[in-house]
PDB file of N, CA and C in Angstrom:
ATOM      1  N   MET A   1      -3.826 -16.754 -10.190  1.00  0.00           N
ATOM      2  CA  MET A   1      -4.495 -15.597 -10.889  1.00  0.00           C
ATOM      3  C   MET A   1      -3.420 -15.121 -11.919  1.00  0.00           C
ATOM      4  N   ALA A   2      -3.890 -14.849 -13.107  1.00  0.00           N
ATOM      5  CA  ALA A   2      -3.034 -14.340 -14.109  1.00  0.00           C
ATOM      6  C   ALA A   2      -2.515 -12.953 -13.767  1.00  0.00           C
ATOM      7  N   THR A   3      -1.307 -12.646 -14.318  1.00  0.00           N
ATOM      8  CA  THR A   3      -0.668 -11.339 -13.944  1.00  0.00           C
ATOM      9  C   THR A   3      -1.492 -10.153 -14.257  1.00  0.00           C
ATOM     10  N   THR A   4      -2.197 -10.175 -15.442  1.00  0.00           N
ATOM     11  CA  THR A   4      -3.019  -9.064 -15.854  1.00  0.00           C
ATOM     12  C   THR A   4      -4.216  -8.902 -14.868  1.00  0.00           C
ATOM     13  N   ALA A   5      -4.854 -10.004 -14.523  1.00  0.00           N
ATOM     14  CA  ALA A   5      -5.923  -9.940 -13.503  1.00  0.00           C
ATOM     15  C   ALA A   5      -5.467  -9.440 -12.141  1.00  0.00           C
ATOM     16  N   ARG A   6      -4.259  -9.914 -11.767  1.00  0.00           N
ATOM     17  CA  ARG A   6      -3.740  -9.468 -10.439  1.00  0.00           C
ATOM     18  C   ARG A   6      -3.444  -7.995 -10.428  1.00  0.00           C
ATOM     19  N   GLN A   7      -2.878  -7.449 -11.604  1.00  0.00           N
ATOM     20  CA  GLN A   7      -2.623  -6.064 -11.648  1.00  0.00           C
ATOM     21  C   GLN A   7      -3.907  -5.240 -11.547  1.00  0.00           C
ATOM     22  N   ALA A   8      -4.919  -5.664 -12.363  1.00  0.00           N
ATOM     23  CA  ALA A   8      -6.199  -4.975 -12.466  1.00  0.00           C
ATOM     24  C   ALA A   8      -6.815  -5.033 -11.045  1.00  0.00           C
ATOM     25  N   SER A   9      -6.831  -6.180 -10.353  1.00  0.00           N
ATOM     26  CA  SER A   9      -7.442  -6.266  -8.970  1.00  0.00           C
ATOM     27  C   SER A   9      -6.761  -5.401  -8.037  1.00  0.00           C
ATOM     28  N   SER A  10      -5.367  -5.423  -8.086  1.00  0.00           N
ATOM     29  CA  SER A  10      -4.699  -4.626  -7.042  1.00  0.00           C
ATOM     30  C   SER A  10      -4.865  -3.160  -7.347  1.00  0.00           C
ATOM     31  N   TRP A  11      -4.987  -2.693  -8.568  1.00  0.00           N
ATOM     32  CA  TRP A  11      -5.214  -1.267  -8.816  1.00  0.00           C
ATOM     33  C   TRP A  11      -6.690  -0.915  -8.312  1.00  0.00           C
ATOM     34  N   ALA A  12      -7.664  -1.813  -8.517  1.00  0.00           N
ATOM     35  CA  ALA A  12      -9.014  -1.483  -8.029  1.00  0.00           C
ATOM     36  C   ALA A  12      -9.007  -1.519  -6.592  1.00  0.00           C
ATOM     37  N   LEU A  13      -8.345  -2.345  -5.893  1.00  0.00           N
ATOM     38  CA  LEU A  13      -8.240  -2.345  -4.390  1.00  0.00           C
ATOM     39  C   LEU A  13      -7.630  -1.058  -3.920  1.00  0.00           C
ATOM     40  N   ALA A  14      -6.495  -0.669  -4.477  1.00  0.00           N
ATOM     41  CA  ALA A  14      -5.720   0.466  -4.107  1.00  0.00           C
ATOM     42  C   ALA A  14      -6.600   1.723  -4.317  1.00  0.00           C
ATOM     43  N   ALA A  15      -7.408   1.794  -5.378  1.00  0.00           N
ATOM     44  CA  ALA A  15      -8.235   2.881  -5.688  1.00  0.00           C
ATOM     45  C   ALA A  15      -9.378   2.989  -4.587  1.00  0.00           C
ATOM     46  N   GLU A  16      -9.900   1.878  -4.233  1.00  0.00           N
ATOM     47  CA  GLU A  16     -10.974   1.846  -3.212  1.00  0.00           C
ATOM     48  C   GLU A  16     -10.381   2.267  -1.812  1.00  0.00           C
ATOM     49  N   VAL A  17      -9.250   1.871  -1.502  1.00  0.00           N
ATOM     50  CA  VAL A  17      -8.564   2.321  -0.274  1.00  0.00           C
ATOM     51  C   VAL A  17      -8.307   3.807  -0.323  1.00  0.00           C
ATOM     52  N   ALA A  18      -7.775   4.321  -1.407  1.00  0.00           N
ATOM     53  CA  ALA A  18      -7.493   5.860  -1.527  1.00  0.00           C
ATOM     54  C   ALA A  18      -8.814   6.541  -1.465  1.00  0.00           C
ATOM     55  N   ALA A  19      -9.936   6.028  -2.063  1.00  0.00           N
ATOM     56  CA  ALA A  19     -11.161   6.761  -1.995  1.00  0.00           C
ATOM     57  C   ALA A  19     -11.712   6.796  -0.505  1.00  0.00           C
ATOM     58  N   ALA A  20     -11.500   5.651   0.086  1.00  0.00           N
ATOM     59  CA  ALA A  20     -11.942   5.633   1.575  1.00  0.00           C
ATOM     60  C   ALA A  20     -11.254   6.462   2.457  1.00  0.00           C
ATOM     61  N   LEU A  21      -9.927   6.795   2.123  1.00  0.00           N
ATOM     62  CA  LEU A  21      -9.103   7.668   2.950  1.00  0.00           C
ATOM     63  C   LEU A  21      -9.291   9.138   2.619  1.00  0.00           C
ATOM     64  N   GLY A  22      -9.914   9.428   1.497  1.00  0.00           N
ATOM     65  CA  GLY A  22     -10.293  10.861   1.145  1.00  0.00           C
ATOM     66  C   GLY A  22      -9.531  11.389  -0.036  1.00  0.00           C
ATOM     67  N   GLU A  23      -9.912  12.554  -0.388  1.00  0.00           N
ATOM     68  CA  GLU A  23      -9.361  13.260  -1.683  1.00  0.00           C
ATOM     69  C   GLU A  23      -7.906  13.503  -1.628  1.00  0.00           C
ATOM     70  N   ASP A  24      -7.355  13.541  -0.336  1.00  0.00           N
ATOM     71  CA  ASP A  24      -5.961  13.858  -0.259  1.00  0.00           C
ATOM     72  C   ASP A  24      -5.044  12.638  -0.559  1.00  0.00           C
ATOM     73  N   SER A  25      -5.601  11.493  -0.807  1.00  0.00           N
ATOM     74  CA  SER A  25      -4.833  10.339  -1.000  1.00  0.00           C
ATOM     75  C   SER A  25      -4.536  10.075  -2.490  1.00  0.00           C
ATOM     76  N   THR A  26      -3.376   9.478  -2.691  1.00  0.00           N
ATOM     77  CA  THR A  26      -2.989   9.078  -4.029  1.00  0.00           C
ATOM     78  C   THR A  26      -2.325   7.658  -3.996  1.00  0.00           C
ATOM     79  N   VAL A  27      -2.279   7.095  -5.198  1.00  0.00           N
ATOM     80  CA  VAL A  27      -1.673   5.751  -5.294  1.00  0.00           C
ATOM     81  C   VAL A  27      -0.448   5.874  -6.216  1.00  0.00           C
ATOM     82  N   ALA A  28       0.656   5.317  -5.647  1.00  0.00           N
ATOM     83  CA  ALA A  28       1.874   5.250  -6.388  1.00  0.00           C
ATOM     84  C   ALA A  28       2.406   3.811  -6.630  1.00  0.00           C
ATOM     85  N   GLU A  29       2.855   3.468  -7.797  1.00  0.00           N
ATOM     86  CA  GLU A  29       3.436   2.248  -8.039  1.00  0.00           C
ATOM     87  C   GLU A  29       4.943   2.345  -7.707  1.00  0.00           C
ATOM     88  N   THR A  30       5.398   1.416  -6.823  1.00  0.00           N
ATOM     89  CA  THR A  30       6.803   1.360  -6.491  1.00  0.00           C
ATOM     90  C   THR A  30       7.352   0.005  -6.690  1.00  0.00           C
ATOM     91  N   HIS A  31       8.700  -0.073  -6.774  1.00  0.00           N
ATOM     92  CA  HIS A  31       9.393  -1.318  -6.905  1.00  0.00           C
ATOM     93  C   HIS A  31      10.601  -1.326  -5.975  1.00  0.00           C
ATOM     94  N   PRO A  32      10.350  -1.382  -4.593  1.00  0.00           N
ATOM     95  CA  PRO A  32      11.481  -1.410  -3.689  1.00  0.00           C
ATOM     96  C   PRO A  32      12.287  -2.595  -3.759  1.00  0.00           C
ATOM     97  N   GLY A  33      13.508  -2.486  -3.087  1.00  0.00           N
ATOM     98  CA  GLY A  33      14.407  -3.657  -3.035  1.00  0.00           C
ATOM     99  C   GLY A  33      15.109  -3.779  -4.402  1.00  0.00           C
ATOM    100  N   GLY A  34      15.402  -2.640  -5.136  1.00  0.00           N
ATOM    101  CA  GLY A  34      16.022  -2.753  -6.347  1.00  0.00           C
ATOM    102  C   GLY A  34      15.107  -3.351  -7.473  1.00  0.00           C
ATOM    103  N   GLY A  35      13.812  -3.240  -7.302  1.00  0.00           N
ATOM    104  CA  GLY A  35      12.952  -3.855  -8.255  1.00  0.00           C
ATOM    105  C   GLY A  35      12.474  -5.290  -7.948  1.00  0.00           C
ATOM    106  N   GLN A  36      12.862  -5.671  -6.746  1.00  0.00           N
ATOM    107  CA  GLN A  36      12.545  -6.996  -6.317  1.00  0.00           C
ATOM    108  C   GLN A  36      11.028  -7.177  -5.988  1.00  0.00           C
ATOM    109  N   TYR A  37      10.429  -6.100  -5.573  1.00  0.00           N
ATOM    110  CA  TYR A  37       9.022  -6.175  -5.212  1.00  0.00           C
ATOM    111  C   TYR A  37       8.147  -5.283  -6.141  1.00  0.00           C
ATOM    112  N   ASP A  38       6.869  -5.624  -6.208  1.00  0.00           N
ATOM    113  CA  ASP A  38       5.923  -4.885  -7.060  1.00  0.00           C
ATOM    114  C   ASP A  38       4.805  -4.395  -6.076  1.00  0.00           C
ATOM    115  N   VAL A  39       4.784  -3.132  -5.670  1.00  0.00           N
ATOM    116  CA  VAL A  39       4.046  -2.615  -4.601  1.00  0.00           C
ATOM    117  C   VAL A  39       3.226  -1.394  -5.157  1.00  0.00           C
ATOM    118  N   LEU A  40       2.013  -1.274  -4.664  1.00  0.00           N
ATOM    119  CA  LEU A  40       1.168  -0.070  -4.824  1.00  0.00           C
ATOM    120  C   LEU A  40       1.060   0.539  -3.418  1.00  0.00           C
ATOM    121  N   LEU A  41       1.398   1.831  -3.393  1.00  0.00           N
ATOM    122  CA  LEU A  41       1.460   2.553  -2.137  1.00  0.00           C
ATOM    123  C   LEU A  41       0.373   3.537  -2.092  1.00  0.00           C
ATOM    124  N   VAL A  42      -0.484   3.589  -1.055  1.00  0.00           N
ATOM    125  CA  VAL A  42      -1.572   4.540  -0.963  1.00  0.00           C
ATOM    126  C   VAL A  42      -1.174   5.450   0.204  1.00  0.00           C
ATOM    127  N   VAL A  43      -0.978   6.742  -0.099  1.00  0.00           N
ATOM    128  CA  VAL A  43      -0.497   7.719   0.789  1.00  0.00           C
ATOM    129  C   VAL A  43      -1.157   9.098   0.511  1.00  0.00           C
ATOM    130  N   PRO A  44      -1.243   9.918   1.537  1.00  0.00           N
ATOM    131  CA  PRO A  44      -1.594  11.271   1.334  1.00  0.00           C
ATOM    132  C   PRO A  44      -0.611  12.058   0.419  1.00  0.00           C
ATOM    133  N   HIS A  45      -1.105  12.998  -0.290  1.00  0.00           N
ATOM    134  CA  HIS A  45      -0.212  13.744  -1.238  1.00  0.00           C
ATOM    135  C   HIS A  45       1.051  14.306  -0.449  1.00  0.00           C
ATOM    136  N   SER A  46       0.858  14.728   0.834  1.00  0.00           N
ATOM    137  CA  SER A  46       2.017  15.315   1.613  1.00  0.00           C
ATOM    138  C   SER A  46       3.141  14.232   1.744  1.00  0.00           C
ATOM    139  N   ALA A  47       2.763  12.990   1.694  1.00  0.00           N
ATOM    140  CA  ALA A  47       3.866  11.949   1.813  1.00  0.00           C
ATOM    141  C   ALA A  47       4.819  12.044   0.608  1.00  0.00           C
ATOM    142  N   LEU A  48       4.388  12.461  -0.544  1.00  0.00           N
ATOM    143  CA  LEU A  48       5.236  12.539  -1.694  1.00  0.00           C
ATOM    144  C   LEU A  48       6.277  13.536  -1.538  1.00  0.00           C
ATOM    145  N   ASP A  49       6.120  14.483  -0.509  1.00  0.00           N
ATOM    146  CA  ASP A  49       7.132  15.460  -0.188  1.00  0.00           C
ATOM    147  C   ASP A  49       8.003  15.157   0.950  1.00  0.00           C
ATOM    148  N   GLY A  50       7.839  13.909   1.409  1.00  0.00           N
ATOM    149  CA  GLY A  50       8.664  13.339   2.553  1.00  0.00           C
ATOM    150  C   GLY A  50       8.004  13.519   3.909  1.00  0.00           C
ATOM    151  N   ALA A  51       6.810  13.963   4.015  1.00  0.00           N
ATOM    152  CA  ALA A  51       6.186  14.071   5.332  1.00  0.00           C
ATOM    153  C   ALA A  51       5.929  12.689   5.953  1.00  0.00           C
ATOM    154  N   ALA A  52       6.059  12.636   7.288  1.00  0.00           N
ATOM    155  CA  ALA A  52       5.755  11.341   7.970  1.00  0.00           C
ATOM    156  C   ALA A  52       4.227  11.262   8.093  1.00  0.00           C
ATOM    157  N   THR A  53       3.728  10.341   7.331  1.00  0.00           N
ATOM    158  CA  THR A  53       2.217  10.096   7.387  1.00  0.00           C
ATOM    159  C   THR A  53       1.931   8.564   7.382  1.00  0.00           C
ATOM    160  N   ALA A  54       0.672   8.286   7.621  1.00  0.00           N
ATOM    161  CA  ALA A  54       0.256   6.864   7.498  1.00  0.00           C
ATOM    162  C   ALA A  54       0.325   6.501   6.017  1.00  0.00           C
ATOM    163  N   GLN A  55       0.548   5.192   5.822  1.00  0.00           N
ATOM    164  CA  GLN A  55       0.559   4.643   4.397  1.00  0.00           C
ATOM    165  C   GLN A  55       0.071   3.263   4.365  1.00  0.00           C
ATOM    166  N   VAL A  56      -0.492   2.938   3.221  1.00  0.00           N
ATOM    167  CA  VAL A  56      -0.950   1.525   3.056  1.00  0.00           C
ATOM    168  C   VAL A  56      -0.144   0.956   1.842  1.00  0.00           C
ATOM    169  N   SER A  57       0.458  -0.142   2.096  1.00  0.00           N
ATOM    170  CA  SER A  57       1.366  -0.756   1.128  1.00  0.00           C
ATOM    171  C   SER A  57       0.738  -2.038   0.702  1.00  0.00           C
ATOM    172  N   LEU A  58       0.489  -2.207  -0.641  1.00  0.00           N
ATOM    173  CA  LEU A  58      -0.116  -3.465  -1.161  1.00  0.00           C
ATOM    174  C   LEU A  58       0.927  -4.086  -2.077  1.00  0.00           C
ATOM    175  N   ASN A  59       1.564  -5.130  -1.488  1.00  0.00           N
ATOM    176  CA  ASN A  59       2.552  -5.911  -2.347  1.00  0.00           C
ATOM    177  C   ASN A  59       1.712  -6.897  -3.142  1.00  0.00           C
ATOM    178  N   ARG A  60       1.885  -6.821  -4.379  1.00  0.00           N
ATOM    179  CA  ARG A  60       1.057  -7.600  -5.396  1.00  0.00           C
ATOM    180  C   ARG A  60       1.273  -9.101  -5.192  1.00  0.00           C
ATOM    181  N   ALA A  61       2.270  -9.549  -4.502  1.00  0.00           N
ATOM    182  CA  ALA A  61       2.439 -10.959  -4.155  1.00  0.00           C
ATOM    183  C   ALA A  61       1.476 -11.431  -3.138  1.00  0.00           C
ATOM    184  N   GLY A  62       0.772 -10.475  -2.413  1.00  0.00           N
ATOM    185  CA  GLY A  62      -0.374 -10.867  -1.486  1.00  0.00           C
ATOM    186  C   GLY A  62      -0.291 -10.282  -0.153  1.00  0.00           C
ATOM    187  N   ARG A  63       0.572  -9.338   0.195  1.00  0.00           N
ATOM    188  CA  ARG A  63       0.641  -8.817   1.554  1.00  0.00           C
ATOM    189  C   ARG A  63       0.205  -7.321   1.580  1.00  0.00           C
ATOM    190  N   LEU A  64      -0.617  -6.970   2.578  1.00  0.00           N
ATOM    191  CA  LEU A  64      -1.007  -5.638   2.771  1.00  0.00           C
ATOM    192  C   LEU A  64      -0.430  -5.191   4.065  1.00  0.00           C
ATOM    193  N   GLN A  65       0.179  -3.961   4.092  1.00  0.00           N
ATOM    194  CA  GLN A  65       0.783  -3.437   5.310  1.00  0.00           C
ATOM    195  C   GLN A  65       0.233  -2.042   5.506  1.00  0.00           C
ATOM    196  N   VAL A  66       0.000  -1.679   6.773  1.00  0.00           N
ATOM    197  CA  VAL A  66      -0.387  -0.362   7.114  1.00  0.00           C
ATOM    198  C   VAL A  66       0.621   0.256   8.029  1.00  0.00           C
ATOM    199  N   LYS A  67       1.282   1.317   7.674  1.00  0.00           N
ATOM    200  CA  LYS A  67       2.273   1.907   8.512  1.00  0.00           C
ATOM    201  C   LYS A  67       1.620   3.109   9.163  1.00  0.00           C
ATOM    202  N   ARG A  68       1.691   3.245  10.474  1.00  0.00           N
ATOM    203  CA  ARG A  68       1.155   4.325  11.196  1.00  0.00           C
ATOM    204  C   ARG A  68       2.080   5.504  11.210  1.00  0.00           C
ATOM    205  N   PRO A  69       1.465   6.803  11.304  1.00  0.00           N
ATOM    206  CA  PRO A  69       2.368   7.908  11.246  1.00  0.00           C
ATOM    207  C   PRO A  69       3.322   8.006  12.413  1.00  0.00           C
ATOM    208  N   LYS A  70       4.439   8.489  12.183  1.00  0.00           N
ATOM    209  CA  LYS A  70       5.528   8.786  13.218  1.00  0.00           C
ATOM    210  C   LYS A  70       5.926   7.583  14.098  1.00  0.00           C
ATOM    211  N   THR A  71       5.794   6.393  13.439  1.00  0.00           N
ATOM    212  CA  THR A  71       6.314   5.144  13.983  1.00  0.00           C
ATOM    213  C   THR A  71       6.877   4.317  12.907  1.00  0.00           C
ATOM    214  N   LYS A  72       7.635   3.328  13.303  1.00  0.00           N
ATOM    215  CA  LYS A  72       8.091   2.325  12.361  1.00  0.00           C
ATOM    216  C   LYS A  72       7.311   1.003  12.410  1.00  0.00           C
ATOM    217  N   THR A  73       6.264   1.039  13.202  1.00  0.00           N
ATOM    218  CA  THR A  73       5.469  -0.191  13.350  1.00  0.00           C
ATOM    219  C   THR A  73       4.538  -0.410  12.178  1.00  0.00           C
ATOM    220  N   MET A  74       4.646  -1.563  11.637  1.00  0.00           N
ATOM    221  CA  MET A  74       3.821  -1.978  10.576  1.00  0.00           C
ATOM    222  C   MET A  74       2.746  -2.969  10.979  1.00  0.00           C
ATOM    223  N   SER A  75       1.505  -2.894  10.481  1.00  0.00           N
ATOM    224  CA  SER A  75       0.527  -3.881  10.719  1.00  0.00           C
ATOM    225  C   SER A  75       0.488  -4.740   9.396  1.00  0.00           C
ATOM    226  N   ARG A  76       0.799  -5.985   9.598  1.00  0.00           N
ATOM    227  CA  ARG A  76       0.792  -6.899   8.463  1.00  0.00           C
ATOM    228  C   ARG A  76      -0.442  -7.697   8.357  1.00  0.00           C
ATOM    229  N   CYS A  77      -1.091  -7.677   7.158  1.00  0.00           N
ATOM    230  CA  CYS A  77      -2.237  -8.429   6.990  1.00  0.00           C
ATOM    231  C   CYS A  77      -2.091  -9.539   5.903  1.00  0.00           C
ATOM    232  N   THR A  78      -2.546 -10.730   6.118  1.00  0.00           N
ATOM    233  CA  THR A  78      -2.494 -11.828   5.178  1.00  0.00           C
ATOM    234  C   THR A  78      -3.863 -12.301   5.117  1.00  0.00           C
ATOM    235  N   PRO A  79      -4.186 -13.331   4.222  1.00  0.00           N
ATOM    236  CA  PRO A  79      -5.528 -13.957   4.230  1.00  0.00           C
ATOM    237  C   PRO A  79      -5.945 -14.558   5.597  1.00  0.00           C
ATOM    238  N   ILE A  80      -4.999 -14.828   6.497  1.00  0.00           N
ATOM    239  CA  ILE A  80      -5.306 -15.389   7.728  1.00  0.00           C
ATOM    240  C   ILE A  80      -5.705 -14.303   8.771  1.00  0.00           C
ATOM    241  N   GLY A  81      -5.168 -13.187   8.717  1.00  0.00           N
ATOM    242  CA  GLY A  81      -5.486 -12.152   9.686  1.00  0.00           C
ATOM    243  C   GLY A  81      -4.350 -11.002   9.683  1.00  0.00           C
ATOM    244  N   CYS A  82      -4.507 -10.142  10.644  1.00  0.00           N
ATOM    245  CA  CYS A  82      -3.547  -8.992  10.764  1.00  0.00           C
ATOM    246  C   CYS A  82      -2.848  -9.063  12.125  1.00  0.00           C
ATOM    247  N   GLY A  83      -1.610  -8.520  12.149  1.00  0.00           N
ATOM    248  CA  GLY A  83      -0.816  -8.472  13.294  1.00  0.00           C
ATOM    249  C   GLY A  83       0.162  -7.362  13.190  1.00  0.00           C
ATOM    250  N   THR A  84       0.797  -7.055  14.385  1.00  0.00           N
ATOM    251  CA  THR A  84       1.666  -5.939  14.402  1.00  0.00           C
ATOM    252  C   THR A  84       3.204  -6.483  14.517  1.00  0.00           C
ATOM    253  N   THR A  85       4.099  -5.899  13.788  1.00  0.00           N
ATOM    254  CA  THR A  85       5.477  -6.373  13.914  1.00  0.00           C
ATOM    255  C   THR A  85       6.289  -5.294  14.449  1.00  0.00           C
TER     256      THR A  85
END
């Protein structure tokens, strides 16, 4: 998939996730690992102030992670399925 199509698709997916989570959700583009990764993060607005909340992380290389509030457990989803790490 071309980079432009991947970016458009990832933003569309992140917007759908944010809409499903409610009006309190926002999407932020992040580049963790010193810019090594290209990630869209879907979080409640309160997370932007440092609150411990659930978040959905969409790595544009193809991995979706769901972090549960008040834990460090991540659910990792790939085209094959989801699991907890």
